[in-house]
C-alpha atoms as a PDB file:
ATOM      1  CA  MET A   1     113.854 107.803 101.540  1.00  0.00           C
ATOM      2  CA  ILE A   2     113.488 104.049 101.035  1.00  0.00           C
ATOM      3  CA  ARG A   3     112.710 103.109  97.441  1.00  0.00           C
ATOM      4  CA  LEU A   4     111.823  99.648  96.161  1.00  0.00           C
ATOM      5  CA  ARG A   5     109.649  97.886  93.613  1.00  0.00           C
ATOM      6  CA  LEU A   6     106.930  95.374  94.466  1.00  0.00           C
ATOM      7  CA  PHE A   7     105.131  93.575  91.639  1.00  0.00           C
ATOM      8  CA  ARG A   8     106.779  96.094  89.265  1.00  0.00           C
ATOM      9  CA  ILE A   9     105.209  98.963  91.248  1.00  0.00           C
ATOM     10  CA  PRO A  10     107.526 101.725  92.554  1.00  0.00           C
ATOM     11  CA  VAL A  11     107.188 102.198  96.316  1.00  0.00           C
ATOM     12  CA  ALA A  12     108.713 105.079  98.294  1.00  0.00           C
ATOM     13  CA  VAL A  13     108.752 105.192 102.106  1.00  0.00           C
ATOM     14  CA  ALA A  14     109.562 108.628 103.534  1.00  0.00           C
ATOM     15  CA  PRO A  15     111.605 108.913 106.779  1.00  0.00           C
ATOM     16  CA  SER A  16     108.779 110.932 108.338  1.00  0.00           C
ATOM     17  CA  LEU A  17     106.588 107.811 108.349  1.00  0.00           C
ATOM     18  CA  TRP A  18     108.705 106.133 111.038  1.00  0.00           C
ATOM     19  CA  ALA A  19     108.291 109.052 113.430  1.00  0.00           C
ATOM     20  CA  ALA A  20     104.550 109.176 112.751  1.00  0.00           C
ATOM     21  CA  LEU A  21     104.136 105.446 113.411  1.00  0.00           C
ATOM     22  CA  ALA A  22     106.150 105.649 116.632  1.00  0.00           C
ATOM     23  CA  ALA A  23     103.991 108.573 117.813  1.00  0.00           C
ATOM     24  CA  ALA A  24     100.837 106.632 116.909  1.00  0.00           C
ATOM     25  CA  ALA A  25     102.050 103.630 118.896  1.00  0.00           C
ATOM     26  CA  LEU A  26     102.512 105.815 121.986  1.00  0.00           C
ATOM     27  CA  LEU A  27      99.122 107.486 121.484  1.00  0.00           C
ATOM     28  CA  PHE A  28      97.412 104.099 121.331  1.00  0.00           C
ATOM     29  CA  GLY A  29      99.039 102.947 124.566  1.00  0.00           C
ATOM     30  CA  SER A  30     102.338 101.196 123.808  1.00  0.00           C
ATOM     31  CA  ARG A  31     104.410 100.951 126.972  1.00  0.00           C
ATOM     32  CA  SER A  32     107.546  99.123 125.861  1.00  0.00           C
ATOM     33  CA  VAL A  33     110.056  99.340 123.043  1.00  0.00           C
ATOM     34  CA  ALA A  34     108.930  95.915 121.828  1.00  0.00           C
ATOM     35  CA  ASP A  35     105.310  97.057 121.634  1.00  0.00           C
ATOM     36  CA  VAL A  36     106.284 100.190 119.687  1.00  0.00           C
ATOM     37  CA  LEU A  37     108.369  98.207 117.202  1.00  0.00           C
ATOM     38  CA  ILE A  38     105.626  95.602 116.694  1.00  0.00           C
ATOM     39  CA  PHE A  39     103.053  98.362 116.220  1.00  0.00           C
ATOM     40  CA  MET A  40     105.248 100.122 113.675  1.00  0.00           C
ATOM     41  CA  ALA A  41     105.883  96.902 111.732  1.00  0.00           C
ATOM     42  CA  ALA A  42     102.175  95.972 111.815  1.00  0.00           C
ATOM     43  CA  SER A  43     101.142  99.448 110.677  1.00  0.00           C
ATOM     44  CA  LEU A  44     103.676  99.480 107.841  1.00  0.00           C
ATOM     45  CA  LEU A  45     102.439  96.066 106.672  1.00  0.00           C
ATOM     46  CA  CYS A  46      98.809  97.211 106.725  1.00  0.00           C
ATOM     47  CA  LEU A  47      99.572 100.478 104.922  1.00  0.00           C
ATOM     48  CA  LEU A  48     101.643  98.730 102.276  1.00  0.00           C
ATOM     49  CA  LEU A  49      99.048  96.007 101.618  1.00  0.00           C
ATOM     50  CA  HIS A  50      96.314  98.646 101.512  1.00  0.00           C
ATOM     51  CA  GLU A  51      98.054 100.659  98.811  1.00  0.00           C
ATOM     52  CA  LEU A  52      99.112  97.521  96.928  1.00  0.00           C
ATOM     53  CA  GLY A  53      95.445  96.540  96.817  1.00  0.00           C
ATOM     54  CA  HIS A  54      94.654  99.845  95.105  1.00  0.00           C
ATOM     55  CA  ALA A  55      97.663  99.565  92.807  1.00  0.00           C
ATOM     56  CA  LEU A  56      97.256  95.974  91.629  1.00  0.00           C
ATOM     57  CA  VAL A  57      93.498  96.119  91.115  1.00  0.00           C
ATOM     58  CA  GLY A  58      93.681  99.566  89.529  1.00  0.00           C
ATOM     59  CA  ARG A  59      96.389  98.439  87.141  1.00  0.00           C
ATOM     60  CA  ALA A  60      94.369  95.370  86.184  1.00  0.00           C
ATOM     61  CA  LEU A  61      91.312  97.526  85.468  1.00  0.00           C
ATOM     62  CA  GLY A  62      93.157 100.091  83.382  1.00  0.00           C
ATOM     63  CA  GLY A  63      94.814 102.203  86.051  1.00  0.00           C
ATOM     64  CA  GLY A  64      97.946 102.864  84.060  1.00  0.00           C
ATOM     65  CA  HIS A  65     101.238 102.887  85.980  1.00  0.00           C
ATOM     66  CA  PRO A  66     100.638 103.029  89.753  1.00  0.00           C
ATOM     67  CA  VAL A  67     103.153 104.579  92.146  1.00  0.00           C
ATOM     68  CA  ILE A  68     102.926 104.207  95.943  1.00  0.00           C
ATOM     69  CA  LEU A  69     104.119 106.813  98.455  1.00  0.00           C
ATOM     70  CA  LEU A  70     104.060 106.226 102.215  1.00  0.00           C
ATOM     71  CA  SER A  71     104.766 109.271 104.382  1.00  0.00           C
ATOM     72  CA  ALA A  72     103.572 111.057 107.510  1.00  0.00           C
ATOM     73  CA  ALA A  73     101.800 113.615 105.328  1.00  0.00           C
ATOM     74  CA  GLY A  74      99.682 110.875 103.807  1.00  0.00           C
ATOM     75  CA  CYS A  75      99.847 107.491 102.123  1.00  0.00           C
ATOM     76  CA  GLY A  76      98.506 107.037  98.645  1.00  0.00           C
ATOM     77  CA  CYS A  77      98.639 105.329  95.308  1.00  0.00           C
ATOM     78  CA  LEU A  78      98.920 107.530  92.229  1.00  0.00           C
ATOM     79  CA  HIS A  79      97.649 105.938  89.020  1.00  0.00           C
ATOM     80  CA  ALA A  80      99.576 107.643  86.230  1.00  0.00           C
ATOM     81  CA  ASP A  81      97.810 107.523  82.855  1.00  0.00           C
ATOM     82  CA  ALA A  82      94.737 106.082  84.575  1.00  0.00           C
ATOM     83  CA  ARG A  83      91.775 105.128  82.403  1.00  0.00           C
ATOM     84  CA  LEU A  84      89.413 103.771  85.020  1.00  0.00           C
ATOM     85  CA  SER A  85      85.688 103.560  84.435  1.00  0.00           C
ATOM     86  CA  ARG A  86      83.307 104.612  87.197  1.00  0.00           C
ATOM     87  CA  THR A  87      82.825 100.961  88.170  1.00  0.00           C
ATOM     88  CA  GLY A  88      86.564 100.368  87.980  1.00  0.00           C
ATOM     89  CA  SER A  89      87.200 103.357  90.231  1.00  0.00           C
ATOM     90  CA  ILE A  90      84.730 102.024  92.813  1.00  0.00           C
ATOM     91  CA  ILE A  91      86.289  98.552  92.758  1.00  0.00           C
ATOM     92  CA  THR A  92      89.783 100.022  93.038  1.00  0.00           C
ATOM     93  CA  SER A  93      88.748 102.120  96.053  1.00  0.00           C
ATOM     94  CA  LEU A  94      87.306  99.050  97.788  1.00  0.00           C
ATOM     95  CA  ALA A  95      90.387  96.949  97.035  1.00  0.00           C
ATOM     96  CA  GLY A  96      92.564  98.925  99.458  1.00  0.00           C
ATOM     97  CA  PRO A  97      90.545  98.334 102.660  1.00  0.00           C
ATOM     98  CA  LEU A  98      89.932  94.702 101.694  1.00  0.00           C
ATOM     99  CA  ALA A  99      93.652  94.084 101.166  1.00  0.00           C
ATOM    100  CA  GLY A 100      94.330  95.880 104.444  1.00  0.00           C
ATOM    101  CA  LEU A 101      92.271  93.232 106.245  1.00  0.00           C
ATOM    102  CA  LEU A 102      94.641  90.430 105.231  1.00  0.00           C
ATOM    103  CA  PRO A 103      96.915  91.031 108.274  1.00  0.00           C
ATOM    104  CA  ALA A 104      93.836  90.596 110.488  1.00  0.00           C
ATOM    105  CA  LEU A 105      93.459  87.073 109.132  1.00  0.00           C
ATOM    106  CA  LEU A 106      97.142  86.456 109.847  1.00  0.00           C
ATOM    107  CA  ALA A 107      96.602  87.764 113.380  1.00  0.00           C
ATOM    108  CA  LEU A 108      93.789  85.262 113.949  1.00  0.00           C
ATOM    109  CA  LEU A 109      96.098  82.459 112.825  1.00  0.00           C
ATOM    110  CA  LEU A 110      98.799  83.666 115.215  1.00  0.00           C
ATOM    111  CA  MET A 111      96.290  83.814 118.072  1.00  0.00           C
ATOM    112  CA  ALA A 112      95.120  80.296 117.294  1.00  0.00           C
ATOM    113  CA  GLY A 113      98.524  79.000 118.354  1.00  0.00           C
ATOM    114  CA  GLY A 114      98.152  80.213 121.931  1.00  0.00           C
ATOM    115  CA  GLU A 115      94.437  80.635 122.589  1.00  0.00           C
ATOM    116  CA  ALA A 116      91.692  78.005 122.540  1.00  0.00           C
ATOM    117  CA  ASP A 117      88.829  80.466 121.988  1.00  0.00           C
ATOM    118  CA  VAL A 118      90.251  82.665 119.227  1.00  0.00           C
ATOM    119  CA  LEU A 119      87.033  84.555 118.495  1.00  0.00           C
ATOM    120  CA  ARG A 120      86.548  85.466 122.151  1.00  0.00           C
ATOM    121  CA  ARG A 121      90.082  86.782 122.417  1.00  0.00           C
ATOM    122  CA  ALA A 122      89.757  88.634 119.112  1.00  0.00           C
ATOM    123  CA  SER A 123      86.578  90.381 120.279  1.00  0.00           C
ATOM    124  CA  GLU A 124      88.254  91.345 123.569  1.00  0.00           C
ATOM    125  CA  VAL A 125      91.274  92.774 121.754  1.00  0.00           C
ATOM    126  CA  LEU A 126      89.139  94.760 119.280  1.00  0.00           C
ATOM    127  CA  CYS A 127      86.884  96.119 122.033  1.00  0.00           C
ATOM    128  CA  GLY A 128      89.812  97.030 124.269  1.00  0.00           C
ATOM    129  CA  ARG A 129      88.813  94.777 127.175  1.00  0.00           C
ATOM    130  CA  ASP A 130      92.146  92.993 126.787  1.00  0.00           C
ATOM    131  CA  PRO A 131      94.440  95.900 125.828  1.00  0.00           C
ATOM    132  CA  ALA A 132      96.492  94.906 122.807  1.00  0.00           C
ATOM    133  CA  LEU A 133      99.331  97.290 123.614  1.00  0.00           C
ATOM    134  CA  SER A 134      99.784  96.655 127.330  1.00  0.00           C
ATOM    135  CA  GLY A 135     102.698  94.253 126.970  1.00  0.00           C
ATOM    136  CA  ALA A 136     103.262  90.641 126.147  1.00  0.00           C
ATOM    137  CA  ALA A 137     104.058  89.237 129.582  1.00  0.00           C
ATOM    138  CA  GLY A 138     102.957  85.656 129.945  1.00  0.00           C
ATOM    139  CA  GLN A 139     102.064  85.307 126.272  1.00  0.00           C
ATOM    140  CA  GLY A 140     103.821  83.697 123.364  1.00  0.00           C
ATOM    141  CA  ILE A 141     105.397  86.081 120.894  1.00  0.00           C
ATOM    142  CA  ALA A 142     103.016  84.963 118.133  1.00  0.00           C
ATOM    143  CA  CYS A 143      99.962  85.704 120.269  1.00  0.00           C
ATOM    144  CA  ALA A 144     101.441  89.050 121.343  1.00  0.00           C
ATOM    145  CA  VAL A 145     102.041  90.039 117.719  1.00  0.00           C
ATOM    146  CA  GLY A 146      98.491  88.965 116.854  1.00  0.00           C
ATOM    147  CA  ASP A 147      97.120  91.149 119.674  1.00  0.00           C
ATOM    148  CA  ILE A 148      98.641  94.211 118.009  1.00  0.00           C
ATOM    149  CA  LEU A 149      98.271  93.225 114.354  1.00  0.00           C
ATOM    150  CA  LEU A 150      94.526  92.483 114.601  1.00  0.00           C
ATOM    151  CA  PRO A 151      93.269  95.886 115.826  1.00  0.00           C
ATOM    152  CA  VAL A 152      95.699  97.808 113.602  1.00  0.00           C
ATOM    153  CA  SER A 153      94.493  95.945 110.503  1.00  0.00           C
ATOM    154  CA  PHE A 154      90.789  95.892 111.390  1.00  0.00           C
ATOM    155  CA  TRP A 155      90.311  99.438 112.660  1.00  0.00           C
ATOM    156  CA  TRP A 156      92.501 101.041 109.977  1.00  0.00           C
ATOM    157  CA  SER A 157      90.563  99.302 107.190  1.00  0.00           C
ATOM    158  CA  LEU A 158      87.247 100.266 108.786  1.00  0.00           C
ATOM    159  CA  PHE A 159      88.435 103.852 109.293  1.00  0.00           C
ATOM    160  CA  ASN A 160      89.294 104.115 105.595  1.00  0.00           C
ATOM    161  CA  LEU A 161      85.718 103.218 104.661  1.00  0.00           C
ATOM    162  CA  LEU A 162      84.273 106.236 106.502  1.00  0.00           C
ATOM    163  CA  PRO A 163      82.476 108.690 104.163  1.00  0.00           C
ATOM    164  CA  VAL A 164      85.215 111.261 104.594  1.00  0.00           C
ATOM    165  CA  ILE A 165      87.291 112.735 101.763  1.00  0.00           C
ATOM    166  CA  PRO A 166      90.075 111.835 100.946  1.00  0.00           C
ATOM    167  CA  LEU A 167      89.558 108.409 102.557  1.00  0.00           C
ATOM    168  CA  ASP A 168      88.397 105.547 100.363  1.00  0.00           C
ATOM    169  CA  GLY A 169      84.875 105.848 101.770  1.00  0.00           C
ATOM    170  CA  GLY A 170      84.845 109.497 100.729  1.00  0.00           C
ATOM    171  CA  ARG A 171      85.936 108.604  97.207  1.00  0.00           C
ATOM    172  CA  LEU A 172      83.205 105.978  97.030  1.00  0.00           C
ATOM    173  CA  LEU A 173      80.694 108.567  98.228  1.00  0.00           C
ATOM    174  CA  ALA A 174      81.745 111.015  95.517  1.00  0.00           C
ATOM    175  CA  GLU A 175      81.490 108.317  92.846  1.00  0.00           C
ATOM    176  CA  VAL A 176      78.022 107.225  93.975  1.00  0.00           C
ATOM    177  CA  LEU A 177      76.602 110.757  94.374  1.00  0.00           C
ATOM    178  CA  ARG A 178      78.293 112.138  91.248  1.00  0.00           C
ATOM    179  CA  SER A 179      78.288 115.511  92.988  1.00  0.00           C
ATOM    180  CA  PRO A 180      81.659 116.675  94.371  1.00  0.00           C
ATOM    181  CA  ALA A 181      80.077 119.610  96.229  1.00  0.00           C
ATOM    182  CA  LEU A 182      77.513 117.417  98.016  1.00  0.00           C
ATOM    183  CA  ALA A 183      80.172 114.825  98.787  1.00  0.00           C
ATOM    184  CA  GLN A 184      82.368 117.553 100.336  1.00  0.00           C
ATOM    185  CA  ARG A 185      79.509 118.755 102.565  1.00  0.00           C
ATOM    186  CA  ILE A 186      78.702 115.235 103.739  1.00  0.00           C
ATOM    187  CA  SER A 187      82.402 114.601 104.301  1.00  0.00           C
ATOM    188  CA  ARG A 188      82.791 117.638 106.577  1.00  0.00           C
ATOM    189  CA  ALA A 189      79.665 116.765 108.564  1.00  0.00           C
ATOM    190  CA  ALA A 190      80.779 113.145 108.951  1.00  0.00           C
ATOM    191  CA  SER A 191      84.289 114.210 110.008  1.00  0.00           C
ATOM    192  CA  CYS A 192      83.035 116.461 112.792  1.00  0.00           C
ATOM    193  CA  THR A 193      80.359 114.042 114.017  1.00  0.00           C
ATOM    194  CA  LEU A 194      82.648 111.023 114.088  1.00  0.00           C
ATOM    195  CA  ALA A 195      85.471 113.021 115.678  1.00  0.00           C
ATOM    196  CA  LEU A 196      83.190 113.891 118.601  1.00  0.00           C
ATOM    197  CA  ALA A 197      81.977 110.294 118.903  1.00  0.00           C
ATOM    198  CA  LEU A 198      85.460 108.783 118.889  1.00  0.00           C
ATOM    199  CA  LEU A 199      86.772 111.384 121.317  1.00  0.00           C
ATOM    200  CA  PHE A 200      85.276 109.423 124.220  1.00  0.00           C
ATOM    201  CA  THR A 201      86.594 106.004 123.178  1.00  0.00           C
ATOM    202  CA  LYS A 202      89.983 104.294 123.137  1.00  0.00           C
ATOM    203  CA  LEU A 203      90.192 105.223 119.477  1.00  0.00           C
ATOM    204  CA  TRP A 204      90.359 108.929 120.340  1.00  0.00           C
ATOM    205  CA  PRO A 205      93.564 109.527 118.290  1.00  0.00           C
ATOM    206  CA  PHE A 206      91.430 109.006 115.190  1.00  0.00           C
ATOM    207  CA  SER A 207      89.479 112.108 116.262  1.00  0.00           C
ATOM    208  CA  LEU A 208      92.575 114.223 115.675  1.00  0.00           C
ATOM    209  CA  LEU A 209      92.990 112.736 112.215  1.00  0.00           C
ATOM    210  CA  LEU A 210      89.337 113.342 111.345  1.00  0.00           C
ATOM    211  CA  VAL A 211      89.597 116.990 112.394  1.00  0.00           C
ATOM    212  CA  CYS A 212      92.679 117.370 110.165  1.00  0.00           C
ATOM    213  CA  LEU A 213      90.816 115.758 107.272  1.00  0.00           C
ATOM    214  CA  ALA A 214      87.818 118.044 107.765  1.00  0.00           C
ATOM    215  CA  PHE A 215      90.113 121.088 107.779  1.00  0.00           C
ATOM    216  CA  SER A 216      91.992 119.959 104.674  1.00  0.00           C
ATOM    217  CA  CYS A 217      88.684 119.215 102.968  1.00  0.00           C
ATOM    218  CA  ARG A 218      87.521 122.774 103.684  1.00  0.00           C
ATOM    219  CA  LYS A 219      90.780 124.267 102.420  1.00  0.00           C
ATOM    220  CA  ARG A 220      90.595 122.144  99.272  1.00  0.00           C
ATOM    221  CA  GLN A 221      87.038 123.280  98.551  1.00  0.00           C
ATOM    222  CA  GLY A 222      88.018 126.918  99.107  1.00  0.00           C
ATOM    223  CA  ALA A 223      90.931 126.590  96.710  1.00  0.00           C
ATOM    224  CA  GLU A 224      88.668 125.038  94.100  1.00  0.00           C
ATOM    225  CA  ARG A 225      86.188 127.922  94.454  1.00  0.00           C
ATOM    226  CA  ARG A 226      88.955 130.519  94.056  1.00  0.00           C
ATOM    227  CA  GLN A 227      90.281 128.700  91.020  1.00  0.00           C
ATOM    228  CA  ALA A 228      86.795 128.506  89.515  1.00  0.00           C
ATOM    229  CA  GLY A 229      86.271 132.204  90.173  1.00  0.00           C
END
């Protein structure tokens, strides 16, 4: 377990995260050791910035003493002694995906060093027409890193905004609806629908994650019902 403090916030990185990131790199098409390592570093950066966004904004809005845990079982920020208002909770939930987009801006800057039409290349990378994980032959290292960093940052932040519990979009949904039961039902329906839609795209590994989230959401609701009974 790696333990450190960033901005006076305890951060723990579990060993299982490295295996999960390596597996994700292979699932998304990495073909070389360099690609896998770049993917893992990019993913770790995005995950860390995402949770730091939650932690720093939450702490500023009354979120107590945040603690960040990154592991294969899930990454999250626990706000101990949190005293967040409803508005503060919404802002804190949005802060994570927004902070997670910062590496995408860095990726665009890296691409600008080796590509005249940065926006065209960025759109090709995001849409998969120029596979980001197919190797860096003939490219500068900065551009190659940008090709991997951009989709990891962009798609992970967008994925977290889906109306699926326990993603940030699911938390936002629950806050807006003020009905946990309704939010759970919408979350399950969204998980299954989006899993089927993504199954036929290059983002198909996200389908597996959505199915797991839908299953965990159902188990959580069942446990809550048993506890209430």
